[in-house]
Full PDB file with SEQRES, HELIX, SHEET, SSBOND, CRYST1, ORIGX, SCALE, CONECT and MASTER records, all heavy atoms in Angstrom:
SEQRES   1 A   30  PHE ARG LEU SER ASN HIS THR LEU MET ILE GLU LYS GLU          
SEQRES   2 A   30  ARG HIS THR ASN ILE ASP ARG ASN ASP ARG VAL CYS TYR          
SEQRES   3 A   30  PHE CYS GLU ASN                                              
HELIX    1 AA1 MET A    9  LYS A   12  1                                   4    
HELIX    2 AA2 ARG A   20  ASP A   22  5                                   3    
CRYST1    1.000    1.000    1.000  90.00  90.00  90.00 P 1           1          
ORIGX1      1.000000  0.000000  0.000000        0.00000                         
ORIGX2      0.000000  1.000000  0.000000        0.00000                         
ORIGX3      0.000000  0.000000  1.000000        0.00000                         
SCALE1      1.000000  0.000000  0.000000        0.00000                         
SCALE2      0.000000  1.000000  0.000000        0.00000                         
SCALE3      0.000000  0.000000  1.000000        0.00000                         
ATOM      1  N   PHE A   1      71.017  53.308  63.949  1.00  0.00           N  
ATOM      2  CA  PHE A   1      72.362  53.756  64.601  1.00  0.00           C  
ATOM      3  C   PHE A   1      72.056  54.526  65.845  1.00  0.00           C  
ATOM      4  O   PHE A   1      72.577  54.218  66.909  1.00  0.00           O  
ATOM      5  CB  PHE A   1      73.131  54.479  63.649  1.00  0.00           C  
ATOM      6  CG  PHE A   1      74.481  54.945  64.153  1.00  0.00           C  
ATOM      7  CD1 PHE A   1      75.535  54.088  64.288  1.00  0.00           C  
ATOM      8  CD2 PHE A   1      74.655  56.252  64.697  1.00  0.00           C  
ATOM      9  CE1 PHE A   1      76.745  54.526  64.774  1.00  0.00           C  
ATOM     10  CE2 PHE A   1      75.848  56.668  65.121  1.00  0.00           C  
ATOM     11  CZ  PHE A   1      76.922  55.727  65.249  1.00  0.00           C  
ATOM     12  N   ARG A   2      71.166  55.429  65.775  1.00  0.00           N  
ATOM     13  CA  ARG A   2      70.839  56.342  66.907  1.00  0.00           C  
ATOM     14  C   ARG A   2      70.232  55.510  68.007  1.00  0.00           C  
ATOM     15  O   ARG A   2      70.403  55.732  69.244  1.00  0.00           O  
ATOM     16  CB  ARG A   2      69.929  57.483  66.484  1.00  0.00           C  
ATOM     17  CG  ARG A   2      70.547  58.466  65.590  1.00  0.00           C  
ATOM     18  CD  ARG A   2      69.511  59.474  65.076  1.00  0.00           C  
ATOM     19  NE  ARG A   2      68.837  60.191  66.168  1.00  0.00           N  
ATOM     20  CZ  ARG A   2      69.305  61.319  66.646  1.00  0.00           C  
ATOM     21  NH1 ARG A   2      70.338  61.950  66.093  1.00  0.00           N  
ATOM     22  NH2 ARG A   2      68.600  61.914  67.737  1.00  0.00           N  
ATOM     23  N   LEU A   3      69.397  54.533  67.704  1.00  0.00           N  
ATOM     24  CA  LEU A   3      68.676  53.736  68.640  1.00  0.00           C  
ATOM     25  C   LEU A   3      69.344  52.388  69.090  1.00  0.00           C  
ATOM     26  O   LEU A   3      68.756  51.578  69.652  1.00  0.00           O  
ATOM     27  CB  LEU A   3      67.227  53.414  68.074  1.00  0.00           C  
ATOM     28  CG  LEU A   3      66.325  54.597  67.820  1.00  0.00           C  
ATOM     29  CD1 LEU A   3      65.188  54.251  66.976  1.00  0.00           C  
ATOM     30  CD2 LEU A   3      65.882  55.215  69.161  1.00  0.00           C  
ATOM     31  N   SER A   4      70.616  52.342  68.806  1.00  0.00           N  
ATOM     32  CA  SER A   4      71.440  51.203  69.143  1.00  0.00           C  
ATOM     33  C   SER A   4      70.909  49.881  68.605  1.00  0.00           C  
ATOM     34  O   SER A   4      70.947  48.895  69.262  1.00  0.00           O  
ATOM     35  CB  SER A   4      71.601  51.108  70.667  1.00  0.00           C  
ATOM     36  OG  SER A   4      72.407  52.126  71.127  1.00  0.00           O  
ATOM     37  N   ASN A   5      70.270  49.954  67.354  1.00  0.00           N  
ATOM     38  CA  ASN A   5      69.757  48.736  66.758  1.00  0.00           C  
ATOM     39  C   ASN A   5      70.617  48.392  65.496  1.00  0.00           C  
ATOM     40  O   ASN A   5      70.212  48.494  64.357  1.00  0.00           O  
ATOM     41  CB  ASN A   5      68.291  48.997  66.316  1.00  0.00           C  
ATOM     42  CG  ASN A   5      67.589  47.853  65.708  1.00  0.00           C  
ATOM     43  OD1 ASN A   5      66.664  48.061  64.925  1.00  0.00           O  
ATOM     44  ND2 ASN A   5      68.070  46.647  66.005  1.00  0.00           N  
ATOM     45  N   HIS A   6      71.916  48.077  65.823  1.00  0.00           N  
ATOM     46  CA  HIS A   6      72.866  47.878  64.784  1.00  0.00           C  
ATOM     47  C   HIS A   6      73.755  46.740  65.117  1.00  0.00           C  
ATOM     48  O   HIS A   6      73.479  45.966  66.100  1.00  0.00           O  
ATOM     49  CB  HIS A   6      73.794  49.195  64.687  1.00  0.00           C  
ATOM     50  CG  HIS A   6      74.233  49.659  66.003  1.00  0.00           C  
ATOM     51  ND1 HIS A   6      75.073  48.958  66.863  1.00  0.00           N  
ATOM     52  CD2 HIS A   6      74.002  50.893  66.599  1.00  0.00           C  
ATOM     53  CE1 HIS A   6      75.339  49.615  67.898  1.00  0.00           C  
ATOM     54  NE2 HIS A   6      74.766  50.781  67.821  1.00  0.00           N  
ATOM     55  N   THR A   7      74.788  46.490  64.360  1.00  0.00           N  
ATOM     56  CA  THR A   7      75.658  45.296  64.576  1.00  0.00           C  
ATOM     57  C   THR A   7      77.037  45.542  65.153  1.00  0.00           C  
ATOM     58  O   THR A   7      77.903  44.798  65.227  1.00  0.00           O  
ATOM     59  CB  THR A   7      75.780  44.523  63.154  1.00  0.00           C  
ATOM     60  OG1 THR A   7      76.387  45.469  62.257  1.00  0.00           O  
ATOM     61  CG2 THR A   7      74.545  44.042  62.683  1.00  0.00           C  
ATOM     62  N   LEU A   8      77.246  46.772  65.579  1.00  0.00           N  
ATOM     63  CA  LEU A   8      78.512  47.105  66.260  1.00  0.00           C  
ATOM     64  C   LEU A   8      78.625  46.271  67.531  1.00  0.00           C  
ATOM     65  O   LEU A   8      77.650  45.865  68.118  1.00  0.00           O  
ATOM     66  CB  LEU A   8      78.544  48.656  66.645  1.00  0.00           C  
ATOM     67  CG  LEU A   8      78.453  49.656  65.549  1.00  0.00           C  
ATOM     68  CD1 LEU A   8      78.520  51.113  66.076  1.00  0.00           C  
ATOM     69  CD2 LEU A   8      79.485  49.357  64.428  1.00  0.00           C  
ATOM     70  N   MET A   9      79.883  46.015  67.902  1.00  0.00           N  
ATOM     71  CA  MET A   9      80.140  45.051  68.991  1.00  0.00           C  
ATOM     72  C   MET A   9      79.432  45.496  70.363  1.00  0.00           C  
ATOM     73  O   MET A   9      79.091  44.631  71.159  1.00  0.00           O  
ATOM     74  CB  MET A   9      81.622  44.888  69.176  1.00  0.00           C  
ATOM     75  CG  MET A   9      82.356  44.340  67.934  1.00  0.00           C  
ATOM     76  SD  MET A   9      81.652  42.775  67.386  1.00  0.00           S  
ATOM     77  CE  MET A   9      82.275  41.700  68.660  1.00  0.00           C  
ATOM     78  N   ILE A  10      79.400  46.789  70.595  1.00  0.00           N  
ATOM     79  CA  ILE A  10      78.778  47.293  71.751  1.00  0.00           C  
ATOM     80  C   ILE A  10      77.375  46.824  72.018  1.00  0.00           C  
ATOM     81  O   ILE A  10      76.923  46.500  73.112  1.00  0.00           O  
ATOM     82  CB  ILE A  10      78.801  48.883  71.867  1.00  0.00           C  
ATOM     83  CG1 ILE A  10      78.530  49.369  73.282  1.00  0.00           C  
ATOM     84  CG2 ILE A  10      77.876  49.444  70.879  1.00  0.00           C  
ATOM     85  CD1 ILE A  10      79.508  49.035  74.312  1.00  0.00           C  
ATOM     86  N   GLU A  11      76.651  46.601  70.876  1.00  0.00           N  
ATOM     87  CA  GLU A  11      75.228  46.083  70.914  1.00  0.00           C  
ATOM     88  C   GLU A  11      75.183  44.603  70.636  1.00  0.00           C  
ATOM     89  O   GLU A  11      74.478  43.852  71.417  1.00  0.00           O  
ATOM     90  CB  GLU A  11      74.427  46.885  69.905  1.00  0.00           C  
ATOM     91  CG  GLU A  11      73.069  46.358  69.747  1.00  0.00           C  
ATOM     92  CD  GLU A  11      72.186  46.482  71.054  1.00  0.00           C  
ATOM     93  OE1 GLU A  11      72.593  47.303  71.940  1.00  0.00           O  
ATOM     94  OE2 GLU A  11      71.209  45.800  71.279  1.00  0.00           O  
ATOM     95  N   LYS A  12      75.980  44.128  69.646  1.00  0.00           N  
ATOM     96  CA  LYS A  12      75.886  42.673  69.287  1.00  0.00           C  
ATOM     97  C   LYS A  12      76.273  41.867  70.412  1.00  0.00           C  
ATOM     98  O   LYS A  12      75.647  40.728  70.718  1.00  0.00           O  
ATOM     99  CB  LYS A  12      76.818  42.444  68.194  1.00  0.00           C  
ATOM    100  CG  LYS A  12      76.797  41.076  67.504  1.00  0.00           C  
ATOM    101  CD  LYS A  12      77.658  40.919  66.285  1.00  0.00           C  
ATOM    102  CE  LYS A  12      77.583  39.425  65.681  1.00  0.00           C  
ATOM    103  NZ  LYS A  12      78.419  39.342  64.565  1.00  0.00           N  
ATOM    104  N   GLU A  13      77.394  42.138  71.177  1.00  0.00           N  
ATOM    105  CA  GLU A  13      77.793  41.310  72.310  1.00  0.00           C  
ATOM    106  C   GLU A  13      77.124  41.629  73.603  1.00  0.00           C  
ATOM    107  O   GLU A  13      77.397  40.917  74.615  1.00  0.00           O  
ATOM    108  CB  GLU A  13      79.334  41.472  72.432  1.00  0.00           C  
ATOM    109  CG  GLU A  13      80.038  40.904  71.235  1.00  0.00           C  
ATOM    110  CD  GLU A  13      81.623  40.649  71.473  1.00  0.00           C  
ATOM    111  OE1 GLU A  13      82.166  41.301  72.345  1.00  0.00           O  
ATOM    112  OE2 GLU A  13      82.138  39.800  70.751  1.00  0.00           O  
ATOM    113  N   ARG A  14      76.242  42.576  73.640  1.00  0.00           N  
ATOM    114  CA  ARG A  14      75.377  42.774  74.832  1.00  0.00           C  
ATOM    115  C   ARG A  14      74.479  41.626  74.948  1.00  0.00           C  
ATOM    116  O   ARG A  14      74.147  41.178  76.105  1.00  0.00           O  
ATOM    117  CB  ARG A  14      74.602  44.104  74.591  1.00  0.00           C  
ATOM    118  CG  ARG A  14      73.759  44.428  75.896  1.00  0.00           C  
ATOM    119  CD  ARG A  14      73.121  45.836  75.607  1.00  0.00           C  
ATOM    120  NE  ARG A  14      72.061  45.720  74.659  1.00  0.00           N  
ATOM    121  CZ  ARG A  14      70.770  45.294  74.848  1.00  0.00           C  
ATOM    122  NH1 ARG A  14      70.517  44.953  76.164  1.00  0.00           N  
ATOM    123  NH2 ARG A  14      69.865  45.224  74.036  1.00  0.00           N  
ATOM    124  N   HIS A  15      74.051  41.000  73.805  1.00  0.00           N  
ATOM    125  CA  HIS A  15      73.135  39.854  73.850  1.00  0.00           C  
ATOM    126  C   HIS A  15      73.702  38.577  74.311  1.00  0.00           C  
ATOM    127  O   HIS A  15      73.067  37.586  74.657  1.00  0.00           O  
ATOM    128  CB  HIS A  15      72.446  39.721  72.517  1.00  0.00           C  
ATOM    129  CG  HIS A  15      71.667  40.957  72.100  1.00  0.00           C  
ATOM    130  ND1 HIS A  15      70.471  41.299  72.656  1.00  0.00           N  
ATOM    131  CD2 HIS A  15      71.964  41.817  71.090  1.00  0.00           C  
ATOM    132  CE1 HIS A  15      70.069  42.386  72.021  1.00  0.00           C  
ATOM    133  NE2 HIS A  15      70.936  42.768  71.054  1.00  0.00           N  
ATOM    134  N   THR A  16      75.065  38.547  74.295  1.00  0.00           N  
ATOM    135  CA  THR A  16      75.812  37.356  74.756  1.00  0.00           C  
ATOM    136  C   THR A  16      76.447  37.635  76.078  1.00  0.00           C  
ATOM    137  O   THR A  16      77.314  36.781  76.541  1.00  0.00           O  
ATOM    138  CB  THR A  16      76.807  36.957  73.719  1.00  0.00           C  
ATOM    139  OG1 THR A  16      77.704  38.040  73.411  1.00  0.00           O  
ATOM    140  CG2 THR A  16      76.191  36.557  72.390  1.00  0.00           C  
ATOM    141  N   ASN A  17      76.075  38.687  76.777  1.00  0.00           N  
ATOM    142  CA  ASN A  17      76.511  39.036  78.094  1.00  0.00           C  
ATOM    143  C   ASN A  17      78.082  39.099  78.259  1.00  0.00           C  
ATOM    144  O   ASN A  17      78.584  38.886  79.236  1.00  0.00           O  
ATOM    145  CB  ASN A  17      76.137  37.906  79.114  1.00  0.00           C  
ATOM    146  CG  ASN A  17      74.571  37.825  79.249  1.00  0.00           C  
ATOM    147  OD1 ASN A  17      73.942  38.883  79.341  1.00  0.00           O  
ATOM    148  ND2 ASN A  17      74.038  36.641  79.310  1.00  0.00           N  
ATOM    149  N   ILE A  18      78.601  39.626  77.120  1.00  0.00           N  
ATOM    150  CA  ILE A  18      80.066  39.930  77.155  1.00  0.00           C  
ATOM    151  C   ILE A  18      80.234  41.299  77.898  1.00  0.00           C  
ATOM    152  O   ILE A  18      79.431  42.223  77.712  1.00  0.00           O  
ATOM    153  CB  ILE A  18      80.680  40.085  75.661  1.00  0.00           C  
ATOM    154  CG1 ILE A  18      80.440  38.811  74.926  1.00  0.00           C  
ATOM    155  CG2 ILE A  18      82.092  40.463  75.740  1.00  0.00           C  
ATOM    156  CD1 ILE A  18      81.195  37.624  75.493  1.00  0.00           C  
ATOM    157  N   ASP A  19      81.209  41.363  78.738  1.00  0.00           N  
ATOM    158  CA  ASP A  19      81.520  42.594  79.533  1.00  0.00           C  
ATOM    159  C   ASP A  19      81.707  43.769  78.574  1.00  0.00           C  
ATOM    160  O   ASP A  19      82.339  43.585  77.542  1.00  0.00           O  
ATOM    161  CB  ASP A  19      82.713  42.384  80.408  1.00  0.00           C  
ATOM    162  CG  ASP A  19      82.946  43.607  81.312  1.00  0.00           C  
ATOM    163  OD1 ASP A  19      82.396  43.592  82.419  1.00  0.00           O  
ATOM    164  OD2 ASP A  19      83.660  44.526  80.912  1.00  0.00           O  
ATOM    165  N   ARG A  20      81.122  44.930  79.005  1.00  0.00           N  
ATOM    166  CA  ARG A  20      81.217  46.115  78.055  1.00  0.00           C  
ATOM    167  C   ARG A  20      82.542  46.399  77.619  1.00  0.00           C  
ATOM    168  O   ARG A  20      82.821  46.844  76.418  1.00  0.00           O  
ATOM    169  CB  ARG A  20      80.516  47.292  78.787  1.00  0.00           C  
ATOM    170  CG  ARG A  20      80.441  48.528  78.001  1.00  0.00           C  
ATOM    171  CD  ARG A  20      79.763  49.666  78.745  1.00  0.00           C  
ATOM    172  NE  ARG A  20      79.711  50.929  77.927  1.00  0.00           N  
ATOM    173  CZ  ARG A  20      78.738  51.162  77.031  1.00  0.00           C  
ATOM    174  NH1 ARG A  20      77.799  50.341  76.804  1.00  0.00           N  
ATOM    175  NH2 ARG A  20      78.775  52.242  76.313  1.00  0.00           N  
ATOM    176  N   ASN A  21      83.589  46.316  78.509  1.00  0.00           N  
ATOM    177  CA  ASN A  21      84.847  46.659  78.175  1.00  0.00           C  
ATOM    178  C   ASN A  21      85.596  45.690  77.193  1.00  0.00           C  
ATOM    179  O   ASN A  21      86.713  45.960  76.710  1.00  0.00           O  
ATOM    180  CB  ASN A  21      85.694  46.750  79.505  1.00  0.00           C  
ATOM    181  CG  ASN A  21      85.334  47.963  80.372  1.00  0.00           C  
ATOM    182  OD1 ASN A  21      84.914  48.992  79.852  1.00  0.00           O  
ATOM    183  ND2 ASN A  21      85.396  47.774  81.667  1.00  0.00           N  
ATOM    184  N   ASP A  22      84.922  44.542  76.978  1.00  0.00           N  
ATOM    185  CA  ASP A  22      85.533  43.474  76.208  1.00  0.00           C  
ATOM    186  C   ASP A  22      84.821  43.488  74.815  1.00  0.00           C  
ATOM    187  O   ASP A  22      85.252  42.656  73.908  1.00  0.00           O  
ATOM    188  CB  ASP A  22      85.351  42.095  76.831  1.00  0.00           C  
ATOM    189  CG  ASP A  22      86.234  41.957  78.063  1.00  0.00           C  
ATOM    190  OD1 ASP A  22      87.204  42.581  78.079  1.00  0.00           O  
ATOM    191  OD2 ASP A  22      85.737  41.187  78.974  1.00  0.00           O  
ATOM    192  N   ARG A  23      83.991  44.468  74.534  1.00  0.00           N  
ATOM    193  CA  ARG A  23      83.280  44.501  73.225  1.00  0.00           C  
ATOM    194  C   ARG A  23      84.070  45.337  72.259  1.00  0.00           C  
ATOM    195  O   ARG A  23      83.702  46.471  71.896  1.00  0.00           O  
ATOM    196  CB  ARG A  23      81.839  45.022  73.412  1.00  0.00           C  
ATOM    197  CG  ARG A  23      81.021  44.311  74.388  1.00  0.00           C  
ATOM    198  CD  ARG A  23      79.657  44.876  74.619  1.00  0.00           C  
ATOM    199  NE  ARG A  23      79.014  44.419  75.834  1.00  0.00           N  
ATOM    200  CZ  ARG A  23      77.977  44.971  76.395  1.00  0.00           C  
ATOM    201  NH1 ARG A  23      77.303  45.965  75.740  1.00  0.00           N  
ATOM    202  NH2 ARG A  23      77.420  44.454  77.522  1.00  0.00           N  
ATOM    203  N   VAL A  24      85.226  44.835  71.932  1.00  0.00           N  
ATOM    204  CA  VAL A  24      86.201  45.666  71.153  1.00  0.00           C  
ATOM    205  C   VAL A  24      86.019  45.625  69.647  1.00  0.00           C  
ATOM    206  O   VAL A  24      85.365  44.698  69.087  1.00  0.00           O  
ATOM    207  CB  VAL A  24      87.699  45.139  71.518  1.00  0.00           C  
ATOM    208  CG1 VAL A  24      87.945  45.423  72.877  1.00  0.00           C  
ATOM    209  CG2 VAL A  24      87.821  43.706  71.120  1.00  0.00           C  
ATOM    210  N   CYS A  25      86.506  46.631  69.000  1.00  0.00           N  
ATOM    211  CA  CYS A  25      86.377  46.753  67.519  1.00  0.00           C  
ATOM    212  C   CYS A  25      87.278  45.694  66.848  1.00  0.00           C  
ATOM    213  O   CYS A  25      88.305  45.299  67.271  1.00  0.00           O  
ATOM    214  CB  CYS A  25      86.956  48.136  67.141  1.00  0.00           C  
ATOM    215  SG  CYS A  25      86.981  48.478  65.341  1.00  0.00           S  
ATOM    216  N   TYR A  26      86.759  45.132  65.702  1.00  0.00           N  
ATOM    217  CA  TYR A  26      87.436  44.180  64.905  1.00  0.00           C  
ATOM    218  C   TYR A  26      88.766  44.599  64.437  1.00  0.00           C  
ATOM    219  O   TYR A  26      89.693  43.841  64.217  1.00  0.00           O  
ATOM    220  CB  TYR A  26      86.539  43.751  63.768  1.00  0.00           C  
ATOM    221  CG  TYR A  26      85.531  42.689  63.980  1.00  0.00           C  
ATOM    222  CD1 TYR A  26      84.191  43.009  64.085  1.00  0.00           C  
ATOM    223  CD2 TYR A  26      85.876  41.367  64.151  1.00  0.00           C  
ATOM    224  CE1 TYR A  26      83.161  42.135  64.307  1.00  0.00           C  
ATOM    225  CE2 TYR A  26      84.893  40.378  64.416  1.00  0.00           C  
ATOM    226  CZ  TYR A  26      83.523  40.778  64.468  1.00  0.00           C  
ATOM    227  OH  TYR A  26      82.576  39.814  64.728  1.00  0.00           O  
ATOM    228  N   PHE A  27      88.844  45.947  64.197  1.00  0.00           N  
ATOM    229  CA  PHE A  27      90.050  46.487  63.469  1.00  0.00           C  
ATOM    230  C   PHE A  27      90.948  47.249  64.404  1.00  0.00           C  
ATOM    231  O   PHE A  27      92.100  47.505  64.080  1.00  0.00           O  
ATOM    232  CB  PHE A  27      89.467  47.458  62.416  1.00  0.00           C  
ATOM    233  CG  PHE A  27      88.367  46.857  61.617  1.00  0.00           C  
ATOM    234  CD1 PHE A  27      87.151  47.295  61.742  1.00  0.00           C  
ATOM    235  CD2 PHE A  27      88.603  45.796  60.700  1.00  0.00           C  
ATOM    236  CE1 PHE A  27      85.985  46.732  61.105  1.00  0.00           C  
ATOM    237  CE2 PHE A  27      87.581  45.247  59.970  1.00  0.00           C  
ATOM    238  CZ  PHE A  27      86.252  45.744  60.141  1.00  0.00           C  
ATOM    239  N   CYS A  28      90.508  47.671  65.534  1.00  0.00           N  
ATOM    240  CA  CYS A  28      91.308  48.408  66.555  1.00  0.00           C  
ATOM    241  C   CYS A  28      91.703  47.606  67.717  1.00  0.00           C  
ATOM    242  O   CYS A  28      92.550  48.071  68.518  1.00  0.00           O  
ATOM    243  CB  CYS A  28      90.584  49.716  66.916  1.00  0.00           C  
ATOM    244  SG  CYS A  28      90.100  50.751  65.525  1.00  0.00           S  
ATOM    245  N   GLU A  29      91.038  46.524  68.057  1.00  0.00           N  
ATOM    246  CA  GLU A  29      91.325  45.606  69.079  1.00  0.00           C  
ATOM    247  C   GLU A  29      91.350  46.197  70.450  1.00  0.00           C  
ATOM    248  O   GLU A  29      90.778  45.588  71.453  1.00  0.00           O  
ATOM    249  CB  GLU A  29      92.545  44.838  68.771  1.00  0.00           C  
ATOM    250  CG  GLU A  29      92.489  43.963  67.583  1.00  0.00           C  
ATOM    251  CD  GLU A  29      93.660  43.128  67.395  1.00  0.00           C  
ATOM    252  OE1 GLU A  29      94.722  43.192  68.110  1.00  0.00           O  
ATOM    253  OE2 GLU A  29      93.645  42.268  66.505  1.00  0.00           O  
ATOM    254  N   ASN A  30      92.037  47.295  70.726  1.00  0.00           N  
ATOM    255  CA  ASN A  30      92.040  47.848  72.064  1.00  0.00           C  
ATOM    256  C   ASN A  30      90.937  48.880  72.314  1.00  0.00           C  
ATOM    257  O   ASN A  30      90.954  49.508  73.463  1.00  0.00           O  
ATOM    258  CB  ASN A  30      93.404  48.422  72.296  1.00  0.00           C  
ATOM    259  CG  ASN A  30      94.568  47.373  72.281  1.00  0.00           C  
ATOM    260  OD1 ASN A  30      94.279  46.319  72.757  1.00  0.00           O  
ATOM    261  ND2 ASN A  30      95.726  47.802  71.729  1.00  0.00           N  
TER     262      ASN A  30                                                      
MASTER        0    0    0    2    0    0    0    6  261    1    0    3          
END                                                                             
C-alpha cells in the first residue's frame, strides 16, 4: 500500500494510460 503496489484505481489504471483524474472509485464515482 505504501509503495503503490496495490489494485486501487490510481495505480491499476496508470498501466492503461487512463488520465489521473479519471481513475475514480468503484463506489464513489466522482
